[in-house]
Amino acid sequence: MSNRLSFTESTAPRRGLSRELAAIYLGISPSKFDEMRKDGRVGPPRLIDARKVWDVRDLDRAFDDLPYEEADGSAEDWKTAA
């Protein structure tokens, strides 16, 4: 059996996301997602029996809590002088 999702399954709206899909939802890799889980920037999953799923509403709040680049002034300027 293939692990690939059908088009319908991959485009179906959902509220609970697996670790991999939660990372994709946030625009990061699964390893960065794990890092953010460890440091508390992403909260714990919910459980459906033994299956761990992240609520998109919780992920939205975690994303909303991320700083803007201008907020902390620590980001490097990636622009080059013309």
PDB file of N, CA and C in Angstrom:
ATOM      1  N   MET A   1       0.848  -1.186   0.000  1.00  0.00           N
ATOM      2  CA  MET A   1       0.000   0.000   0.000  1.00  0.00           C
ATOM      3  C   MET A   1       0.888   1.243   0.000  1.00  0.00           C
ATOM      4  N   SER A   2       0.533   2.189  -0.795  1.00  0.00           N
ATOM      5  CA  SER A   2       1.318   3.413  -0.935  1.00  0.00           C
ATOM      6  C   SER A   2       1.024   4.381   0.199  1.00  0.00           C
ATOM      7  N   ASN A   3       2.056   5.146   0.620  1.00  0.00           N
ATOM      8  CA  ASN A   3       1.877   6.171   1.638  1.00  0.00           C
ATOM      9  C   ASN A   3       1.402   7.484   1.040  1.00  0.00           C
ATOM     10  N   ARG A   4       1.333   7.560  -0.275  1.00  0.00           N
ATOM     11  CA  ARG A   4       0.924   8.796  -0.934  1.00  0.00           C
ATOM     12  C   ARG A   4      -0.570   9.001  -0.776  1.00  0.00           C
ATOM     13  N   LEU A   5      -0.956  10.240  -0.531  1.00  0.00           N
ATOM     14  CA  LEU A   5      -2.366  10.577  -0.398  1.00  0.00           C
ATOM     15  C   LEU A   5      -2.976  10.812  -1.772  1.00  0.00           C
ATOM     16  N   SER A   6      -4.227  10.454  -1.928  1.00  0.00           N
ATOM     17  CA  SER A   6      -4.922  10.769  -3.160  1.00  0.00           C
ATOM     18  C   SER A   6      -5.158  12.276  -3.208  1.00  0.00           C
ATOM     19  N   PHE A   7      -5.478  12.790  -4.377  1.00  0.00           N
ATOM     20  CA  PHE A   7      -5.741  14.219  -4.515  1.00  0.00           C
ATOM     21  C   PHE A   7      -6.849  14.648  -3.570  1.00  0.00           C
ATOM     22  N   THR A   8      -7.908  13.860  -3.470  1.00  0.00           N
ATOM     23  CA  THR A   8      -9.027  14.202  -2.594  1.00  0.00           C
ATOM     24  C   THR A   8      -8.576  14.242  -1.141  1.00  0.00           C
ATOM     25  N   GLU A   9      -7.801  13.243  -0.725  1.00  0.00           N
ATOM     26  CA  GLU A   9      -7.322  13.209   0.660  1.00  0.00           C
ATOM     27  C   GLU A   9      -6.385  14.373   0.957  1.00  0.00           C
ATOM     28  N   SER A  10      -5.534  14.726   0.009  1.00  0.00           N
ATOM     29  CA  SER A  10      -4.549  15.776   0.266  1.00  0.00           C
ATOM     30  C   SER A  10      -5.152  17.171   0.220  1.00  0.00           C
ATOM     31  N   THR A  11      -6.302  17.330  -0.420  1.00  0.00           N
ATOM     32  CA  THR A  11      -6.927  18.651  -0.507  1.00  0.00           C
ATOM     33  C   THR A  11      -8.138  18.800   0.404  1.00  0.00           C
ATOM     34  N   ALA A  12      -8.508  17.726   1.092  1.00  0.00           N
ATOM     35  CA  ALA A  12      -9.670  17.777   1.982  1.00  0.00           C
ATOM     36  C   ALA A  12      -9.379  18.704   3.149  1.00  0.00           C
ATOM     37  N   PRO A  13     -10.320  19.573   3.515  1.00  0.00           N
ATOM     38  CA  PRO A  13     -10.096  20.429   4.682  1.00  0.00           C
ATOM     39  C   PRO A  13      -9.999  19.572   5.935  1.00  0.00           C
ATOM     40  N   ARG A  14      -9.129  19.969   6.830  1.00  0.00           N
ATOM     41  CA  ARG A  14      -8.978  19.226   8.077  1.00  0.00           C
ATOM     42  C   ARG A  14      -8.572  20.170   9.188  1.00  0.00           C
ATOM     43  N   ARG A  15      -8.906  19.798  10.387  1.00  0.00           N
ATOM     44  CA  ARG A  15      -8.553  20.605  11.549  1.00  0.00           C
ATOM     45  C   ARG A  15      -7.356  20.019  12.286  1.00  0.00           C
ATOM     46  N   GLY A  16      -7.270  18.699  12.352  1.00  0.00           N
ATOM     47  CA  GLY A  16      -6.152  18.035  13.018  1.00  0.00           C
ATOM     48  C   GLY A  16      -5.116  17.599  12.009  1.00  0.00           C
ATOM     49  N   LEU A  17      -3.852  17.981  12.266  1.00  0.00           N
ATOM     50  CA  LEU A  17      -2.774  17.670  11.329  1.00  0.00           C
ATOM     51  C   LEU A  17      -1.712  16.806  11.989  1.00  0.00           C
ATOM     52  N   SER A  18      -1.168  15.883  11.208  1.00  0.00           N
ATOM     53  CA  SER A  18      -0.036  15.102  11.673  1.00  0.00           C
ATOM     54  C   SER A  18       1.173  16.024  11.849  1.00  0.00           C
ATOM     55  N   ARG A  19       2.218  15.517  12.453  1.00  0.00           N
ATOM     56  CA  ARG A  19       3.441  16.292  12.655  1.00  0.00           C
ATOM     57  C   ARG A  19       3.964  16.851  11.332  1.00  0.00           C
ATOM     58  N   GLU A  20       4.026  16.011  10.321  1.00  0.00           N
ATOM     59  CA  GLU A  20       4.556  16.432   9.020  1.00  0.00           C
ATOM     60  C   GLU A  20       3.679  17.510   8.387  1.00  0.00           C
ATOM     61  N   LEU A  21       2.357  17.305   8.431  1.00  0.00           N
ATOM     62  CA  LEU A  21       1.460  18.293   7.841  1.00  0.00           C
ATOM     63  C   LEU A  21       1.421  19.579   8.663  1.00  0.00           C
ATOM     64  N   ALA A  22       1.571  19.470   9.982  1.00  0.00           N
ATOM     65  CA  ALA A  22       1.626  20.665  10.821  1.00  0.00           C
ATOM     66  C   ALA A  22       2.855  21.495  10.467  1.00  0.00           C
ATOM     67  N   ALA A  23       3.981  20.830  10.222  1.00  0.00           N
ATOM     68  CA  ALA A  23       5.200  21.540   9.803  1.00  0.00           C
ATOM     69  C   ALA A  23       4.980  22.230   8.466  1.00  0.00           C
ATOM     70  N   ILE A  24       4.396  21.529   7.519  1.00  0.00           N
ATOM     71  CA  ILE A  24       4.112  22.114   6.206  1.00  0.00           C
ATOM     72  C   ILE A  24       3.175  23.306   6.367  1.00  0.00           C
ATOM     73  N   TYR A  25       2.165  23.167   7.197  1.00  0.00           N
ATOM     74  CA  TYR A  25       1.201  24.247   7.439  1.00  0.00           C
ATOM     75  C   TYR A  25       1.910  25.515   7.918  1.00  0.00           C
ATOM     76  N   LEU A  26       2.920  25.338   8.782  1.00  0.00           N
ATOM     77  CA  LEU A  26       3.665  26.485   9.293  1.00  0.00           C
ATOM     78  C   LEU A  26       4.760  26.956   8.336  1.00  0.00           C
ATOM     79  N   GLY A  27       5.022  26.177   7.296  1.00  0.00           N
ATOM     80  CA  GLY A  27       6.042  26.564   6.323  1.00  0.00           C
ATOM     81  C   GLY A  27       7.458  26.215   6.762  1.00  0.00           C
ATOM     82  N   ILE A  28       7.581  25.178   7.578  1.00  0.00           N
ATOM     83  CA  ILE A  28       8.885  24.773   8.097  1.00  0.00           C
ATOM     84  C   ILE A  28       9.086  23.271   7.903  1.00  0.00           C
ATOM     85  N   SER A  29      10.311  22.818   8.152  1.00  0.00           N
ATOM     86  CA  SER A  29      10.613  21.388   8.048  1.00  0.00           C
ATOM     87  C   SER A  29      10.152  20.672   9.317  1.00  0.00           C
ATOM     88  N   PRO A  30       9.951  19.354   9.231  1.00  0.00           N
ATOM     89  CA  PRO A  30       9.602  18.603  10.435  1.00  0.00           C
ATOM     90  C   PRO A  30      10.654  18.734  11.543  1.00  0.00           C
ATOM     91  N   SER A  31      11.926  18.822  11.197  1.00  0.00           N
ATOM     92  CA  SER A  31      12.953  18.967  12.235  1.00  0.00           C
ATOM     93  C   SER A  31      12.858  20.335  12.918  1.00  0.00           C
ATOM     94  N   LYS A  32      12.552  21.390  12.180  1.00  0.00           N
ATOM     95  CA  LYS A  32      12.352  22.712  12.784  1.00  0.00           C
ATOM     96  C   LYS A  32      11.089  22.683  13.654  1.00  0.00           C
ATOM     97  N   PHE A  33      10.057  21.974  13.208  1.00  0.00           N
ATOM     98  CA  PHE A  33       8.839  21.818  13.990  1.00  0.00           C
ATOM     99  C   PHE A  33       9.177  21.166  15.336  1.00  0.00           C
ATOM    100  N   ASP A  34       9.993  20.113  15.311  1.00  0.00           N
ATOM    101  CA  ASP A  34      10.402  19.439  16.544  1.00  0.00           C
ATOM    102  C   ASP A  34      11.160  20.397  17.457  1.00  0.00           C
ATOM    103  N   GLU A  35      12.024  21.207  16.881  1.00  0.00           N
ATOM    104  CA  GLU A  35      12.775  22.207  17.652  1.00  0.00           C
ATOM    105  C   GLU A  35      11.821  23.200  18.318  1.00  0.00           C
ATOM    106  N   MET A  36      10.838  23.647  17.557  1.00  0.00           N
ATOM    107  CA  MET A  36       9.868  24.604  18.098  1.00  0.00           C
ATOM    108  C   MET A  36       8.986  23.966  19.166  1.00  0.00           C
ATOM    109  N   ARG A  37       8.733  22.669  19.044  1.00  0.00           N
ATOM    110  CA  ARG A  37       7.987  21.944  20.082  1.00  0.00           C
ATOM    111  C   ARG A  37       8.807  21.909  21.365  1.00  0.00           C
ATOM    112  N   LYS A  38      10.096  21.588  21.230  1.00  0.00           N
ATOM    113  CA  LYS A  38      10.958  21.468  22.409  1.00  0.00           C
ATOM    114  C   LYS A  38      11.108  22.785  23.153  1.00  0.00           C
ATOM    115  N   ASP A  39      11.180  23.892  22.409  1.00  0.00           N
ATOM    116  CA  ASP A  39      11.374  25.180  23.092  1.00  0.00           C
ATOM    117  C   ASP A  39      10.059  25.876  23.433  1.00  0.00           C
ATOM    118  N   GLY A  40       8.931  25.219  23.154  1.00  0.00           N
ATOM    119  CA  GLY A  40       7.636  25.728  23.592  1.00  0.00           C
ATOM    120  C   GLY A  40       6.940  26.686  22.636  1.00  0.00           C
ATOM    121  N   ARG A  41       7.535  26.927  21.477  1.00  0.00           N
ATOM    122  CA  ARG A  41       6.875  27.836  20.531  1.00  0.00           C
ATOM    123  C   ARG A  41       5.674  27.183  19.865  1.00  0.00           C
ATOM    124  N   VAL A  42       5.638  25.864  19.806  1.00  0.00           N
ATOM    125  CA  VAL A  42       4.478  25.111  19.318  1.00  0.00           C
ATOM    126  C   VAL A  42       4.025  24.231  20.471  1.00  0.00           C
ATOM    127  N   GLY A  43       2.735  24.246  20.723  1.00  0.00           N
ATOM    128  CA  GLY A  43       2.189  23.493  21.843  1.00  0.00           C
ATOM    129  C   GLY A  43       2.064  22.005  21.579  1.00  0.00           C
ATOM    130  N   PRO A  44       1.591  21.288  22.576  1.00  0.00           N
ATOM    131  CA  PRO A  44       1.457  19.835  22.464  1.00  0.00           C
ATOM    132  C   PRO A  44       0.315  19.448  21.523  1.00  0.00           C
ATOM    133  N   PRO A  45       0.378  18.215  21.044  1.00  0.00           N
ATOM    134  CA  PRO A  45      -0.702  17.733  20.182  1.00  0.00           C
ATOM    135  C   PRO A  45      -1.922  17.338  21.004  1.00  0.00           C
ATOM    136  N   ARG A  46      -3.010  17.155  20.298  1.00  0.00           N
ATOM    137  CA  ARG A  46      -4.192  16.532  20.887  1.00  0.00           C
ATOM    138  C   ARG A  46      -4.118  15.052  20.540  1.00  0.00           C
ATOM    139  N   LEU A  47      -4.850  14.247  21.264  1.00  0.00           N
ATOM    140  CA  LEU A  47      -4.826  12.806  21.027  1.00  0.00           C
ATOM    141  C   LEU A  47      -6.167  12.316  20.511  1.00  0.00           C
ATOM    142  N   ILE A  48      -6.119  11.545  19.459  1.00  0.00           N
ATOM    143  CA  ILE A  48      -7.274  10.789  18.979  1.00  0.00           C
ATOM    144  C   ILE A  48      -6.848   9.339  19.135  1.00  0.00           C
ATOM    145  N   ASP A  49      -7.293   8.723  20.213  1.00  0.00           N
ATOM    146  CA  ASP A  49      -6.772   7.429  20.652  1.00  0.00           C
ATOM    147  C   ASP A  49      -5.258   7.601  20.846  1.00  0.00           C
ATOM    148  N   ALA A  50      -4.442   6.857  20.127  1.00  0.00           N
ATOM    149  CA  ALA A  50      -2.987   7.001  20.275  1.00  0.00           C
ATOM    150  C   ALA A  50      -2.389   7.940  19.229  1.00  0.00           C
ATOM    151  N   ARG A  51      -3.216   8.455  18.334  1.00  0.00           N
ATOM    152  CA  ARG A  51      -2.722   9.316  17.252  1.00  0.00           C
ATOM    153  C   ARG A  51      -2.587  10.754  17.742  1.00  0.00           C
ATOM    154  N   LYS A  52      -1.416  11.346  17.484  1.00  0.00           N
ATOM    155  CA  LYS A  52      -1.156  12.734  17.850  1.00  0.00           C
ATOM    156  C   LYS A  52      -1.495  13.633  16.668  1.00  0.00           C
ATOM    157  N   VAL A  53      -2.302  14.656  16.927  1.00  0.00           N
ATOM    158  CA  VAL A  53      -2.652  15.619  15.887  1.00  0.00           C
ATOM    159  C   VAL A  53      -2.576  17.027  16.466  1.00  0.00           C
ATOM    160  N   TRP A  54      -2.135  17.954  15.620  1.00  0.00           N
ATOM    161  CA  TRP A  54      -2.068  19.355  16.026  1.00  0.00           C
ATOM    162  C   TRP A  54      -3.246  20.094  15.433  1.00  0.00           C
ATOM    163  N   ASP A  55      -3.939  20.831  16.276  1.00  0.00           N
ATOM    164  CA  ASP A  55      -5.103  21.613  15.887  1.00  0.00           C
ATOM    165  C   ASP A  55      -4.625  22.834  15.092  1.00  0.00           C
ATOM    166  N   VAL A  56      -5.199  23.057  13.924  1.00  0.00           N
ATOM    167  CA  VAL A  56      -4.776  24.204  13.114  1.00  0.00           C
ATOM    168  C   VAL A  56      -5.011  25.517  13.852  1.00  0.00           C
ATOM    169  N   ARG A  57      -5.997  25.554  14.747  1.00  0.00           N
ATOM    170  CA  ARG A  57      -6.230  26.785  15.513  1.00  0.00           C
ATOM    171  C   ARG A  57      -5.068  27.058  16.474  1.00  0.00           C
ATOM    172  N   ASP A  58      -4.542  25.990  17.086  1.00  0.00           N
ATOM    173  CA  ASP A  58      -3.365  26.141  17.948  1.00  0.00           C
ATOM    174  C   ASP A  58      -2.146  26.546  17.128  1.00  0.00           C
ATOM    175  N   LEU A  59      -2.016  25.963  15.941  1.00  0.00           N
ATOM    176  CA  LEU A  59      -0.900  26.324  15.062  1.00  0.00           C
ATOM    177  C   LEU A  59      -1.008  27.777  14.615  1.00  0.00           C
ATOM    178  N   ASP A  60      -2.225  28.229  14.348  1.00  0.00           N
ATOM    179  CA  ASP A  60      -2.419  29.638  13.982  1.00  0.00           C
ATOM    180  C   ASP A  60      -1.982  30.559  15.117  1.00  0.00           C
ATOM    181  N   ARG A  61      -2.329  30.203  16.350  1.00  0.00           N
ATOM    182  CA  ARG A  61      -1.908  31.022  17.502  1.00  0.00           C
ATOM    183  C   ARG A  61      -0.391  31.018  17.654  1.00  0.00           C
ATOM    184  N   ALA A  62       0.231  29.854  17.470  1.00  0.00           N
ATOM    185  CA  ALA A  62       1.696  29.771  17.558  1.00  0.00           C
ATOM    186  C   ALA A  62       2.338  30.644  16.488  1.00  0.00           C
ATOM    187  N   PHE A  63       1.782  30.616  15.290  1.00  0.00           N
ATOM    188  CA  PHE A  63       2.315  31.439  14.206  1.00  0.00           C
ATOM    189  C   PHE A  63       2.113  32.920  14.514  1.00  0.00           C
ATOM    190  N   ASP A  64       0.940  33.263  15.019  1.00  0.00           N
ATOM    191  CA  ASP A  64       0.651  34.662  15.374  1.00  0.00           C
ATOM    192  C   ASP A  64       1.612  35.180  16.440  1.00  0.00           C
ATOM    193  N   ASP A  65       2.098  34.297  17.309  1.00  0.00           N
ATOM    194  CA  ASP A  65       3.017  34.692  18.374  1.00  0.00           C
ATOM    195  C   ASP A  65       4.463  34.876  17.906  1.00  0.00           C
ATOM    196  N   LEU A  66       4.763  34.443  16.687  1.00  0.00           N
ATOM    197  CA  LEU A  66       6.131  34.630  16.178  1.00  0.00           C
ATOM    198  C   LEU A  66       6.396  36.114  15.969  1.00  0.00           C
ATOM    199  N   PRO A  67       7.625  36.555  16.240  1.00  0.00           N
ATOM    200  CA  PRO A  67       7.923  37.978  16.079  1.00  0.00           C
ATOM    201  C   PRO A  67       8.015  38.368  14.608  1.00  0.00           C
ATOM    202  N   TYR A  68       7.708  39.618  14.350  1.00  0.00           N
ATOM    203  CA  TYR A  68       7.961  40.190  13.036  1.00  0.00           C
ATOM    204  C   TYR A  68       9.438  40.553  12.967  1.00  0.00           C
ATOM    205  N   GLU A  69       9.981  40.592  11.809  1.00  0.00           N
ATOM    206  CA  GLU A  69      11.392  40.918  11.647  1.00  0.00           C
ATOM    207  C   GLU A  69      11.729  42.264  12.279  1.00  0.00           C
ATOM    208  N   GLU A  70      10.895  43.261  12.077  1.00  0.00           N
ATOM    209  CA  GLU A  70      11.161  44.601  12.602  1.00  0.00           C
ATOM    210  C   GLU A  70      11.007  44.672  14.122  1.00  0.00           C
ATOM    211  N   ALA A  71      10.290  43.735  14.697  1.00  0.00           N
ATOM    212  CA  ALA A  71       9.966  43.808  16.121  1.00  0.00           C
ATOM    213  C   ALA A  71      11.196  43.717  17.016  1.00  0.00           C
ATOM    214  N   ASP A  72      12.170  42.863  16.645  1.00  0.00           N
ATOM    215  CA  ASP A  72      13.306  42.694  17.553  1.00  0.00           C
ATOM    216  C   ASP A  72      14.590  43.326  17.024  1.00  0.00           C
ATOM    217  N   GLY A  73      14.608  43.721  15.766  1.00  0.00           N
ATOM    218  CA  GLY A  73      15.771  44.393  15.194  1.00  0.00           C
ATOM    219  C   GLY A  73      16.998  43.519  15.051  1.00  0.00           C
ATOM    220  N   SER A  74      16.874  42.197  15.265  1.00  0.00           N
ATOM    221  CA  SER A  74      18.046  41.354  15.220  1.00  0.00           C
ATOM    222  C   SER A  74      18.269  40.671  13.869  1.00  0.00           C
ATOM    223  N   ALA A  75      17.309  40.752  12.977  1.00  0.00           N
ATOM    224  CA  ALA A  75      17.454  40.082  11.690  1.00  0.00           C
ATOM    225  C   ALA A  75      18.436  40.842  10.811  1.00  0.00           C
ATOM    226  N   GLU A  76      19.222  40.066  10.074  1.00  0.00           N
ATOM    227  CA  GLU A  76      20.166  40.689   9.151  1.00  0.00           C
ATOM    228  C   GLU A  76      19.419  41.282   7.966  1.00  0.00           C
ATOM    229  N   ASP A  77      19.947  42.359   7.446  1.00  0.00           N
ATOM    230  CA  ASP A  77      19.362  42.958   6.260  1.00  0.00           C
ATOM    231  C   ASP A  77      19.828  42.146   5.060  1.00  0.00           C
ATOM    232  N   TRP A  78      18.917  41.468   4.382  1.00  0.00           N
ATOM    233  CA  TRP A  78      19.278  40.630   3.265  1.00  0.00           C
ATOM    234  C   TRP A  78      19.358  41.407   1.965  1.00  0.00           C
ATOM    235  N   LYS A  79      18.951  42.647   1.999  1.00  0.00           N
ATOM    236  CA  LYS A  79      18.992  43.462   0.796  1.00  0.00           C
ATOM    237  C   LYS A  79      20.410  43.955   0.534  1.00  0.00           C
ATOM    238  N   THR A  80      20.763  44.024  -0.716  1.00  0.00           N
ATOM    239  CA  THR A  80      22.065  44.567  -1.060  1.00  0.00           C
ATOM    240  C   THR A  80      21.884  45.943  -1.673  1.00  0.00           C
ATOM    241  N   ALA A  81      22.868  46.767  -1.490  1.00  0.00           N
ATOM    242  CA  ALA A  81      22.804  48.106  -2.076  1.00  0.00           C
ATOM    243  C   ALA A  81      22.911  48.004  -3.583  1.00  0.00           C
ATOM    244  N   ALA A  82      22.124  48.797  -4.251  1.00  0.00           N
ATOM    245  CA  ALA A  82      22.131  48.763  -5.723  1.00  0.00           C
ATOM    246  C   ALA A  82      23.192  49.692  -6.266  1.00  0.00           C
TER     247      ALA A  82
END
